[in-house]
Amino acid sequence: MKLSDCFPTYSYYLVTPRKSKIRISTRKVYVDVNPEVYFFIFDAVYKINNGQKINIKNEWNNIIQHNDDLLFGKKKIFSIFLTKNKITSRNQISYKVNWNLLEKKLEEQSKDIIKEFKRNPNVSLGILYDRLASNYYPIRNTVKSNSPIDLNKLKFKMKQIGDFDKLKQQGLMVKEMSNKIEEKYPN
């Protein structure tokens, strides 16, 4: 089993546009991968398809320098690069995740959230759901879906793990939370 198999994926996937001059080789959309990775890939594909010359490595490194969420301990968590398909000799864009670094970063974030819960027990579980939503909602209209998010399924899962009642006690209902997320991340 690979470490990447331990990380959850969305029911979404990356799709190469029709008649594209470049292919997207990595199709999975991971829950814990920053949306900037996917935005950069689609932006690069768009630029290349419109005849712009870009240096993917340099542009990606420039984005990383200005975004600490893409680093852990000053090391890159995500790499984006251009390769050639061995069979078709066609250019393709890929991303690679340093899963060990991502795991360490998520562990550190988890510890920070637990500390916050211990300091202030009234802190809402909404912090955790907001963290997940902040990765999902910005990319939801950019990628293709096998099945859209169903609020009833989300409510059922939240009830199974006991979060629904906790959120209800804290005054947050699924529909209200969904509306707040929609306001924060509009289409």
N, C-alpha and C. Protein backbone atom coordinates (compact mmCIF):
# COMPACT_ATOMS: atom_id res chain seq x y z
N MET A 1 0.84 -1.18 0.00
CA MET A 1 0.00 0.00 0.00
C MET A 1 0.89 1.25 0.00
N LYS A 2 0.57 2.19 -0.88
CA LYS A 2 1.31 3.44 -0.95
C LYS A 2 0.74 4.42 0.07
N LEU A 3 1.57 5.36 0.51
CA LEU A 3 1.12 6.37 1.45
C LEU A 3 -0.01 7.20 0.85
N SER A 4 0.03 7.45 -0.44
CA SER A 4 -1.02 8.25 -1.09
C SER A 4 -2.39 7.58 -0.98
N ASP A 5 -2.42 6.24 -0.84
CA ASP A 5 -3.69 5.52 -0.70
C ASP A 5 -4.39 5.82 0.62
N CYS A 6 -3.65 6.36 1.58
CA CYS A 6 -4.23 6.69 2.89
C CYS A 6 -4.97 8.02 2.87
N PHE A 7 -4.77 8.80 1.82
CA PHE A 7 -5.39 10.12 1.74
C PHE A 7 -6.67 10.04 0.94
N PRO A 8 -7.76 10.64 1.46
CA PRO A 8 -9.06 10.55 0.76
C PRO A 8 -9.08 11.42 -0.50
N THR A 9 -9.88 10.97 -1.47
CA THR A 9 -10.07 11.72 -2.70
C THR A 9 -11.53 12.12 -2.81
N TYR A 10 -11.78 13.17 -3.59
CA TYR A 10 -13.16 13.55 -3.91
C TYR A 10 -13.68 12.65 -5.01
N SER A 11 -14.97 12.71 -5.24
CA SER A 11 -15.54 11.96 -6.37
C SER A 11 -15.31 12.73 -7.67
N TYR A 12 -14.54 13.80 -7.58
CA TYR A 12 -14.16 14.60 -8.74
C TYR A 12 -12.87 14.09 -9.33
N TYR A 13 -12.62 14.44 -10.57
CA TYR A 13 -11.37 14.06 -11.21
C TYR A 13 -10.98 15.14 -12.22
N LEU A 14 -9.71 15.21 -12.51
CA LEU A 14 -9.19 16.18 -13.48
C LEU A 14 -9.36 15.63 -14.88
N VAL A 15 -9.81 16.48 -15.78
CA VAL A 15 -10.05 16.04 -17.16
C VAL A 15 -9.32 16.99 -18.11
N THR A 16 -8.63 16.41 -19.07
CA THR A 16 -7.98 17.20 -20.11
C THR A 16 -9.05 17.72 -21.06
N PRO A 17 -9.03 19.03 -21.36
CA PRO A 17 -10.01 19.56 -22.32
C PRO A 17 -9.86 18.91 -23.70
N ARG A 18 -10.95 18.82 -24.43
CA ARG A 18 -10.93 18.25 -25.78
C ARG A 18 -9.98 19.05 -26.67
N LYS A 19 -9.29 18.36 -27.55
CA LYS A 19 -8.36 18.94 -28.51
C LYS A 19 -7.26 19.77 -27.85
N SER A 20 -6.94 19.43 -26.62
CA SER A 20 -5.89 20.14 -25.88
C SER A 20 -4.52 19.78 -26.43
N LYS A 21 -3.63 20.77 -26.44
CA LYS A 21 -2.26 20.53 -26.89
C LYS A 21 -1.44 19.82 -25.82
N ILE A 22 -1.95 19.80 -24.61
CA ILE A 22 -1.25 19.19 -23.48
C ILE A 22 -2.25 18.37 -22.68
N ARG A 23 -1.81 17.25 -22.15
CA ARG A 23 -2.68 16.37 -21.35
C ARG A 23 -2.44 16.58 -19.87
N ILE A 24 -3.46 16.33 -19.09
CA ILE A 24 -3.32 16.32 -17.63
C ILE A 24 -3.15 14.86 -17.25
N SER A 25 -2.00 14.52 -16.68
CA SER A 25 -1.72 13.10 -16.43
C SER A 25 -2.16 12.63 -15.05
N THR A 26 -2.26 13.51 -14.10
CA THR A 26 -2.68 13.11 -12.75
C THR A 26 -4.14 13.49 -12.60
N ARG A 27 -5.01 12.49 -12.46
CA ARG A 27 -6.45 12.75 -12.50
C ARG A 27 -7.12 12.85 -11.12
N LYS A 28 -6.54 12.24 -10.10
CA LYS A 28 -7.18 12.24 -8.79
C LYS A 28 -7.18 13.62 -8.15
N VAL A 29 -8.27 13.93 -7.45
CA VAL A 29 -8.38 15.19 -6.71
C VAL A 29 -8.44 14.82 -5.23
N TYR A 30 -7.34 15.07 -4.52
CA TYR A 30 -7.24 14.70 -3.12
C TYR A 30 -7.84 15.79 -2.23
N VAL A 31 -8.49 15.37 -1.14
CA VAL A 31 -9.12 16.27 -0.20
C VAL A 31 -8.11 17.24 0.40
N ASP A 32 -6.93 16.76 0.73
CA ASP A 32 -5.95 17.57 1.45
C ASP A 32 -4.96 18.32 0.56
N VAL A 33 -5.11 18.24 -0.74
CA VAL A 33 -4.24 18.98 -1.65
C VAL A 33 -4.84 20.38 -1.84
N ASN A 34 -4.01 21.39 -1.69
CA ASN A 34 -4.48 22.78 -1.79
C ASN A 34 -5.07 23.06 -3.17
N PRO A 35 -6.16 23.83 -3.22
CA PRO A 35 -6.79 24.16 -4.50
C PRO A 35 -5.84 24.86 -5.46
N GLU A 36 -4.85 25.57 -4.96
CA GLU A 36 -3.90 26.28 -5.82
C GLU A 36 -3.21 25.33 -6.80
N VAL A 37 -3.01 24.10 -6.39
CA VAL A 37 -2.38 23.11 -7.27
C VAL A 37 -3.25 22.89 -8.51
N TYR A 38 -4.54 22.68 -8.29
CA TYR A 38 -5.45 22.42 -9.40
C TYR A 38 -5.65 23.66 -10.25
N PHE A 39 -5.76 24.84 -9.61
CA PHE A 39 -5.91 26.09 -10.36
C PHE A 39 -4.70 26.31 -11.27
N PHE A 40 -3.51 26.06 -10.74
CA PHE A 40 -2.31 26.26 -11.54
C PHE A 40 -2.30 25.32 -12.75
N ILE A 41 -2.66 24.06 -12.54
CA ILE A 41 -2.68 23.10 -13.64
C ILE A 41 -3.64 23.55 -14.75
N PHE A 42 -4.86 23.94 -14.36
CA PHE A 42 -5.84 24.36 -15.36
C PHE A 42 -5.41 25.66 -16.05
N ASP A 43 -4.79 26.57 -15.28
CA ASP A 43 -4.31 27.81 -15.87
C ASP A 43 -3.19 27.54 -16.87
N ALA A 44 -2.28 26.64 -16.52
CA ALA A 44 -1.17 26.29 -17.43
C ALA A 44 -1.71 25.65 -18.70
N VAL A 45 -2.67 24.74 -18.57
CA VAL A 45 -3.26 24.09 -19.75
C VAL A 45 -3.95 25.14 -20.63
N TYR A 46 -4.67 26.05 -20.00
CA TYR A 46 -5.37 27.11 -20.74
C TYR A 46 -4.36 27.97 -21.51
N LYS A 47 -3.28 28.39 -20.84
CA LYS A 47 -2.27 29.24 -21.49
C LYS A 47 -1.61 28.51 -22.66
N ILE A 48 -1.24 27.27 -22.45
CA ILE A 48 -0.58 26.49 -23.52
C ILE A 48 -1.52 26.30 -24.70
N ASN A 49 -2.79 26.02 -24.43
CA ASN A 49 -3.77 25.84 -25.51
C ASN A 49 -4.02 27.13 -26.28
N ASN A 50 -3.75 28.26 -25.65
CA ASN A 50 -3.92 29.55 -26.32
C ASN A 50 -2.61 30.09 -26.88
N GLY A 51 -1.61 29.21 -27.00
CA GLY A 51 -0.37 29.55 -27.67
C GLY A 51 0.65 30.32 -26.84
N GLN A 52 0.41 30.47 -25.54
CA GLN A 52 1.37 31.17 -24.70
C GLN A 52 2.50 30.23 -24.32
N LYS A 53 3.71 30.75 -24.33
CA LYS A 53 4.87 29.99 -23.87
C LYS A 53 5.02 30.24 -22.38
N ILE A 54 5.05 29.17 -21.61
CA ILE A 54 5.23 29.33 -20.16
C ILE A 54 6.29 28.33 -19.68
N ASN A 55 6.98 28.73 -18.65
CA ASN A 55 7.92 27.85 -17.99
C ASN A 55 7.23 27.37 -16.72
N ILE A 56 6.68 26.18 -16.78
CA ILE A 56 5.87 25.66 -15.68
C ILE A 56 6.66 25.64 -14.38
N LYS A 57 7.88 25.16 -14.43
CA LYS A 57 8.69 25.06 -13.21
C LYS A 57 8.91 26.43 -12.57
N ASN A 58 9.29 27.42 -13.36
CA ASN A 58 9.53 28.76 -12.81
C ASN A 58 8.27 29.41 -12.27
N GLU A 59 7.17 29.29 -13.03
CA GLU A 59 5.91 29.90 -12.57
C GLU A 59 5.41 29.23 -11.28
N TRP A 60 5.53 27.90 -11.21
CA TRP A 60 5.10 27.19 -10.01
C TRP A 60 5.97 27.59 -8.81
N ASN A 61 7.28 27.67 -9.01
CA ASN A 61 8.17 28.09 -7.93
C ASN A 61 7.86 29.50 -7.46
N ASN A 62 7.45 30.38 -8.37
CA ASN A 62 7.07 31.74 -8.01
C ASN A 62 5.82 31.73 -7.13
N ILE A 63 4.86 30.88 -7.46
CA ILE A 63 3.63 30.78 -6.65
C ILE A 63 3.96 30.23 -5.26
N ILE A 64 4.81 29.22 -5.21
CA ILE A 64 5.18 28.62 -3.92
C ILE A 64 5.86 29.63 -3.01
N GLN A 65 6.70 30.48 -3.57
CA GLN A 65 7.41 31.49 -2.77
C GLN A 65 6.45 32.44 -2.07
N HIS A 66 5.25 32.62 -2.63
CA HIS A 66 4.29 33.57 -2.08
C HIS A 66 3.12 32.89 -1.36
N ASN A 67 3.23 31.60 -1.10
CA ASN A 67 2.12 30.89 -0.46
C ASN A 67 2.67 29.84 0.50
N ASP A 68 2.65 30.17 1.80
CA ASP A 68 3.16 29.26 2.82
C ASP A 68 2.35 27.98 2.96
N ASP A 69 1.10 27.98 2.46
CA ASP A 69 0.28 26.76 2.56
C ASP A 69 0.81 25.63 1.69
N LEU A 70 1.68 25.98 0.75
CA LEU A 70 2.24 24.98 -0.16
C LEU A 70 3.58 24.45 0.30
N LEU A 71 3.99 24.91 1.50
CA LEU A 71 5.29 24.53 2.06
C LEU A 71 5.11 23.94 3.45
N PHE A 72 6.11 23.17 3.85
CA PHE A 72 6.19 22.73 5.24
C PHE A 72 7.66 22.74 5.60
N GLY A 73 8.01 23.56 6.58
CA GLY A 73 9.41 23.68 6.96
C GLY A 73 10.26 24.17 5.80
N LYS A 74 9.73 25.11 5.03
CA LYS A 74 10.41 25.70 3.87
C LYS A 74 10.68 24.68 2.75
N LYS A 75 10.03 23.52 2.82
CA LYS A 75 10.17 22.51 1.77
C LYS A 75 8.86 22.43 0.99
N LYS A 76 8.98 22.19 -0.33
CA LYS A 76 7.81 22.08 -1.19
C LYS A 76 7.04 20.79 -0.89
N ILE A 77 5.74 20.94 -0.71
CA ILE A 77 4.88 19.77 -0.55
C ILE A 77 4.42 19.28 -1.92
N PHE A 78 4.19 20.21 -2.83
CA PHE A 78 3.64 19.89 -4.14
C PHE A 78 4.60 20.34 -5.25
N SER A 79 4.79 19.48 -6.23
CA SER A 79 5.59 19.82 -7.41
C SER A 79 4.72 19.65 -8.64
N ILE A 80 4.86 20.59 -9.57
CA ILE A 80 4.14 20.50 -10.84
C ILE A 80 5.19 20.57 -11.93
N PHE A 81 5.07 19.67 -12.90
CA PHE A 81 6.10 19.58 -13.92
C PHE A 81 5.53 19.08 -15.24
N LEU A 82 6.30 19.30 -16.29
CA LEU A 82 5.92 18.90 -17.63
C LEU A 82 6.74 17.68 -18.03
N THR A 83 6.09 16.68 -18.59
CA THR A 83 6.77 15.48 -19.07
C THR A 83 6.22 15.12 -20.46
N LYS A 84 6.81 14.11 -21.07
CA LYS A 84 6.30 13.57 -22.33
C LYS A 84 5.75 12.18 -22.08
N ASN A 85 4.60 11.91 -22.64
CA ASN A 85 4.02 10.58 -22.56
C ASN A 85 4.90 9.63 -23.36
N LYS A 86 5.29 8.51 -22.75
CA LYS A 86 6.20 7.56 -23.40
C LYS A 86 5.61 6.91 -24.64
N ILE A 87 4.29 6.75 -24.65
CA ILE A 87 3.65 6.07 -25.78
C ILE A 87 3.32 7.04 -26.91
N THR A 88 2.69 8.18 -26.57
CA THR A 88 2.23 9.12 -27.60
C THR A 88 3.21 10.25 -27.87
N SER A 89 4.23 10.40 -27.03
CA SER A 89 5.20 11.51 -27.13
C SER A 89 4.53 12.87 -26.99
N ARG A 90 3.36 12.90 -26.40
CA ARG A 90 2.61 14.13 -26.21
C ARG A 90 2.98 14.73 -24.86
N ASN A 91 3.07 16.08 -24.79
CA ASN A 91 3.35 16.74 -23.52
C ASN A 91 2.22 16.51 -22.54
N GLN A 92 2.59 16.36 -21.29
CA GLN A 92 1.57 16.23 -20.24
C GLN A 92 2.05 16.96 -18.99
N ILE A 93 1.07 17.48 -18.25
CA ILE A 93 1.37 18.18 -17.01
C ILE A 93 0.96 17.26 -15.85
N SER A 94 1.83 17.18 -14.86
CA SER A 94 1.59 16.30 -13.72
C SER A 94 1.85 17.06 -12.43
N TYR A 95 1.27 16.56 -11.36
CA TYR A 95 1.65 17.07 -10.04
C TYR A 95 2.06 15.89 -9.17
N LYS A 96 2.99 16.18 -8.31
CA LYS A 96 3.48 15.16 -7.39
C LYS A 96 3.36 15.72 -5.98
N VAL A 97 2.97 14.87 -5.07
CA VAL A 97 2.81 15.28 -3.67
C VAL A 97 3.87 14.57 -2.84
N ASN A 98 4.55 15.33 -2.01
CA ASN A 98 5.46 14.73 -1.04
C ASN A 98 4.57 14.32 0.13
N TRP A 99 4.10 13.08 0.09
CA TRP A 99 3.09 12.62 1.05
C TRP A 99 3.61 12.66 2.49
N ASN A 100 4.88 12.41 2.69
CA ASN A 100 5.43 12.48 4.05
C ASN A 100 5.35 13.89 4.61
N LEU A 101 5.70 14.88 3.79
CA LEU A 101 5.60 16.28 4.24
C LEU A 101 4.15 16.69 4.46
N LEU A 102 3.27 16.27 3.56
CA LEU A 102 1.86 16.61 3.72
C LEU A 102 1.31 16.00 5.01
N GLU A 103 1.69 14.77 5.29
CA GLU A 103 1.24 14.11 6.52
C GLU A 103 1.73 14.87 7.75
N LYS A 104 2.99 15.31 7.73
CA LYS A 104 3.53 16.09 8.86
C LYS A 104 2.81 17.41 9.02
N LYS A 105 2.51 18.07 7.90
CA LYS A 105 1.81 19.34 7.96
C LYS A 105 0.40 19.17 8.53
N LEU A 106 -0.30 18.13 8.09
CA LEU A 106 -1.65 17.87 8.59
C LEU A 106 -1.62 17.51 10.07
N GLU A 107 -0.60 16.76 10.48
CA GLU A 107 -0.43 16.41 11.89
C GLU A 107 -0.24 17.68 12.73
N GLU A 108 0.57 18.59 12.24
CA GLU A 108 0.79 19.85 12.96
C GLU A 108 -0.50 20.67 13.04
N GLN A 109 -1.24 20.73 11.94
CA GLN A 109 -2.51 21.45 11.93
C GLN A 109 -3.50 20.82 12.91
N SER A 110 -3.52 19.49 12.96
CA SER A 110 -4.41 18.78 13.89
C SER A 110 -4.06 19.12 15.34
N LYS A 111 -2.78 19.14 15.63
CA LYS A 111 -2.34 19.49 16.99
C LYS A 111 -2.76 20.90 17.35
N ASP A 112 -2.66 21.83 16.40
CA ASP A 112 -3.09 23.21 16.65
C ASP A 112 -4.58 23.28 16.93
N ILE A 113 -5.37 22.52 16.19
CA ILE A 113 -6.83 22.52 16.41
C ILE A 113 -7.16 21.92 17.77
N ILE A 114 -6.49 20.83 18.14
CA ILE A 114 -6.72 20.22 19.45
C ILE A 114 -6.36 21.18 20.57
N LYS A 115 -5.24 21.88 20.42
CA LYS A 115 -4.86 22.90 21.42
C LYS A 115 -5.94 23.96 21.55
N GLU A 116 -6.49 24.37 20.40
CA GLU A 116 -7.55 25.39 20.42
C GLU A 116 -8.79 24.86 21.13
N PHE A 117 -9.14 23.59 20.90
CA PHE A 117 -10.29 22.98 21.58
C PHE A 117 -10.05 22.92 23.09
N LYS A 118 -8.81 22.58 23.49
CA LYS A 118 -8.49 22.49 24.92
C LYS A 118 -8.52 23.87 25.57
N ARG A 119 -8.03 24.89 24.86
CA ARG A 119 -8.03 26.25 25.40
C ARG A 119 -9.44 26.80 25.50
N ASN A 120 -10.25 26.51 24.50
CA ASN A 120 -11.60 27.05 24.43
C ASN A 120 -12.56 25.95 24.01
N PRO A 121 -13.18 25.26 25.01
CA PRO A 121 -14.06 24.13 24.68
C PRO A 121 -15.30 24.52 23.88
N ASN A 122 -15.61 25.81 23.84
CA ASN A 122 -16.79 26.25 23.10
C ASN A 122 -16.49 26.48 21.61
N VAL A 123 -15.26 26.24 21.22
CA VAL A 123 -14.91 26.40 19.81
C VAL A 123 -15.72 25.38 19.01
N SER A 124 -16.29 25.84 17.94
CA SER A 124 -17.19 25.00 17.15
C SER A 124 -16.44 23.95 16.33
N LEU A 125 -17.09 22.82 16.13
CA LEU A 125 -16.58 21.81 15.21
C LEU A 125 -16.57 22.33 13.78
N GLY A 126 -17.24 23.46 13.62
CA GLY A 126 -17.28 24.08 12.30
C GLY A 126 -15.89 24.39 11.77
N ILE A 127 -14.91 24.56 12.66
CA ILE A 127 -13.52 24.81 12.24
C ILE A 127 -13.04 23.66 11.35
N LEU A 128 -13.33 22.44 11.77
CA LEU A 128 -12.89 21.28 10.99
C LEU A 128 -13.60 21.21 9.65
N TYR A 129 -14.92 21.45 9.67
CA TYR A 129 -15.67 21.39 8.42
C TYR A 129 -15.30 22.55 7.51
N ASP A 130 -14.99 23.71 8.09
CA ASP A 130 -14.55 24.85 7.29
C ASP A 130 -13.23 24.53 6.61
N ARG A 131 -12.35 23.83 7.28
CA ARG A 131 -11.05 23.45 6.71
C ARG A 131 -11.24 22.56 5.48
N LEU A 132 -12.17 21.61 5.60
CA LEU A 132 -12.46 20.73 4.45
C LEU A 132 -13.12 21.52 3.32
N ALA A 133 -14.06 22.39 3.70
CA ALA A 133 -14.78 23.17 2.69
C ALA A 133 -13.85 24.13 1.97
N SER A 134 -12.85 24.65 2.66
CA SER A 134 -11.94 25.61 2.03
C SER A 134 -11.10 24.95 0.94
N ASN A 135 -10.97 23.64 0.96
CA ASN A 135 -10.29 22.93 -0.13
C ASN A 135 -11.28 22.53 -1.22
N TYR A 136 -12.50 22.20 -0.85
CA TYR A 136 -13.48 21.68 -1.81
C TYR A 136 -14.15 22.79 -2.63
N TYR A 137 -14.71 23.78 -1.96
CA TYR A 137 -15.57 24.74 -2.65
C TYR A 137 -14.87 25.56 -3.73
N PRO A 138 -13.62 25.98 -3.57
CA PRO A 138 -13.01 26.74 -4.66
C PRO A 138 -12.83 25.93 -5.95
N ILE A 139 -12.72 24.60 -5.86
CA ILE A 139 -12.47 23.81 -7.07
C ILE A 139 -13.70 23.11 -7.61
N ARG A 140 -14.82 23.20 -6.94
CA ARG A 140 -15.98 22.38 -7.30
C ARG A 140 -16.49 22.63 -8.72
N ASN A 141 -16.32 23.84 -9.25
CA ASN A 141 -16.80 24.13 -10.60
C ASN A 141 -15.71 23.97 -11.65
N THR A 142 -14.53 23.58 -11.23
CA THR A 142 -13.39 23.48 -12.13
C THR A 142 -13.15 22.05 -12.59
N VAL A 143 -13.57 21.09 -11.80
CA VAL A 143 -13.28 19.69 -12.09
C VAL A 143 -14.58 18.94 -12.38
N LYS A 144 -14.46 17.80 -13.03
CA LYS A 144 -15.63 16.98 -13.35
C LYS A 144 -15.98 16.08 -12.17
N SER A 145 -17.26 15.76 -12.04
CA SER A 145 -17.71 14.97 -10.91
C SER A 145 -18.34 13.66 -11.35
N ASN A 146 -18.06 12.61 -10.59
CA ASN A 146 -18.80 11.36 -10.76
C ASN A 146 -20.15 11.47 -10.09
N SER A 147 -20.18 12.18 -8.96
CA SER A 147 -21.42 12.39 -8.23
C SER A 147 -21.28 13.64 -7.37
N PRO A 148 -22.27 14.54 -7.45
CA PRO A 148 -22.19 15.77 -6.66
C PRO A 148 -22.37 15.48 -5.17
N ILE A 149 -21.97 16.44 -4.33
CA ILE A 149 -22.14 16.31 -2.88
C ILE A 149 -23.63 16.38 -2.57
N ASP A 150 -24.11 15.44 -1.82
CA ASP A 150 -25.51 15.39 -1.42
C ASP A 150 -25.59 15.77 0.06
N LEU A 151 -26.30 16.88 0.37
CA LEU A 151 -26.38 17.36 1.76
C LEU A 151 -27.04 16.33 2.68
N ASN A 152 -27.98 15.54 2.15
CA ASN A 152 -28.61 14.51 2.99
C ASN A 152 -27.61 13.42 3.37
N LYS A 153 -26.73 13.05 2.42
CA LYS A 153 -25.70 12.06 2.73
C LYS A 153 -24.72 12.63 3.75
N LEU A 154 -24.36 13.92 3.58
CA LEU A 154 -23.45 14.57 4.53
C LEU A 154 -24.08 14.58 5.93
N LYS A 155 -25.35 14.92 6.00
CA LYS A 155 -26.07 14.94 7.28
C LYS A 155 -26.08 13.55 7.91
N PHE A 156 -26.34 12.51 7.09
CA PHE A 156 -26.36 11.13 7.58
C PHE A 156 -25.00 10.73 8.13
N LYS A 157 -23.92 11.05 7.37
CA LYS A 157 -22.55 10.71 7.82
C LYS A 157 -22.21 11.45 9.11
N MET A 158 -22.62 12.72 9.19
CA MET A 158 -22.35 13.50 10.40
C MET A 158 -23.08 12.90 11.60
N LYS A 159 -24.27 12.37 11.38
CA LYS A 159 -25.02 11.72 12.46
C LYS A 159 -24.31 10.43 12.89
N GLN A 160 -23.79 9.69 11.92
CA GLN A 160 -23.08 8.45 12.22
C GLN A 160 -21.88 8.67 13.12
N ILE A 161 -21.13 9.73 12.87
CA ILE A 161 -19.93 9.96 13.66
C ILE A 161 -20.19 10.86 14.87
N GLY A 162 -21.43 11.32 15.03
CA GLY A 162 -21.80 12.09 16.22
C GLY A 162 -21.58 13.59 16.08
N ASP A 163 -21.10 14.05 14.96
CA ASP A 163 -20.86 15.49 14.80
C ASP A 163 -22.14 16.29 14.62
N PHE A 164 -23.17 15.67 14.04
CA PHE A 164 -24.40 16.41 13.77
C PHE A 164 -25.02 16.94 15.06
N ASP A 165 -25.11 16.08 16.08
CA ASP A 165 -25.69 16.52 17.35
C ASP A 165 -24.83 17.59 18.03
N LYS A 166 -23.50 17.44 17.92
CA LYS A 166 -22.59 18.44 18.51
C LYS A 166 -22.76 19.78 17.81
N LEU A 167 -22.85 19.74 16.49
CA LEU A 167 -23.03 20.99 15.75
C LEU A 167 -24.40 21.59 16.03
N LYS A 168 -25.39 20.74 16.21
CA LYS A 168 -26.74 21.20 16.53
C LYS A 168 -26.74 21.91 17.89
N GLN A 169 -26.03 21.33 18.88
CA GLN A 169 -25.91 21.95 20.19
C GLN A 169 -25.19 23.29 20.11
N GLN A 170 -24.25 23.39 19.19
CA GLN A 170 -23.50 24.63 19.04
C GLN A 170 -24.23 25.63 18.14
N GLY A 171 -25.42 25.25 17.68
CA GLY A 171 -26.23 26.16 16.90
C GLY A 171 -25.93 26.17 15.41
N LEU A 172 -25.18 25.22 14.96
CA LEU A 172 -24.89 25.14 13.53
C LEU A 172 -25.62 23.95 12.92
N MET A 173 -26.47 24.22 11.99
CA MET A 173 -27.15 23.15 11.28
C MET A 173 -26.48 22.99 9.91
N VAL A 174 -26.66 21.84 9.30
CA VAL A 174 -26.01 21.55 8.03
C VAL A 174 -26.41 22.57 6.96
N LYS A 175 -27.68 22.90 6.88
CA LYS A 175 -28.13 23.86 5.85
C LYS A 175 -27.52 25.23 6.10
N GLU A 176 -27.50 25.68 7.37
CA GLU A 176 -26.89 26.97 7.71
C GLU A 176 -25.41 26.95 7.37
N MET A 177 -24.74 25.85 7.70
CA MET A 177 -23.32 25.72 7.42
C MET A 177 -23.10 25.76 5.91
N SER A 178 -23.95 25.07 5.17
CA SER A 178 -23.84 25.05 3.72
C SER A 178 -24.02 26.46 3.15
N ASN A 179 -24.99 27.22 3.69
CA ASN A 179 -25.22 28.59 3.23
C ASN A 179 -24.01 29.48 3.52
N LYS A 180 -23.40 29.31 4.72
CA LYS A 180 -22.23 30.10 5.07
C LYS A 180 -21.07 29.78 4.13
N ILE A 181 -20.91 28.50 3.81
CA ILE A 181 -19.85 28.09 2.90
C ILE A 181 -20.11 28.66 1.51
N GLU A 182 -21.37 28.60 1.04
CA GLU A 182 -21.71 29.15 -0.28
C GLU A 182 -21.42 30.65 -0.34
N GLU A 183 -21.69 31.38 0.77
CA GLU A 183 -21.39 32.80 0.82
C GLU A 183 -19.89 33.05 0.73
N LYS A 184 -19.12 32.22 1.44
CA LYS A 184 -17.67 32.39 1.48
C LYS A 184 -17.03 32.01 0.15
N TYR A 185 -17.56 30.99 -0.51
CA TYR A 185 -17.01 30.50 -1.79
C TYR A 185 -18.10 30.49 -2.86
N PRO A 186 -18.50 31.65 -3.37
CA PRO A 186 -19.56 31.67 -4.39
C PRO A 186 -19.08 31.06 -5.70
N ASN A 187 -20.04 30.70 -6.56
CA ASN A 187 -19.70 30.11 -7.87
C ASN A 187 -18.82 31.00 -8.66
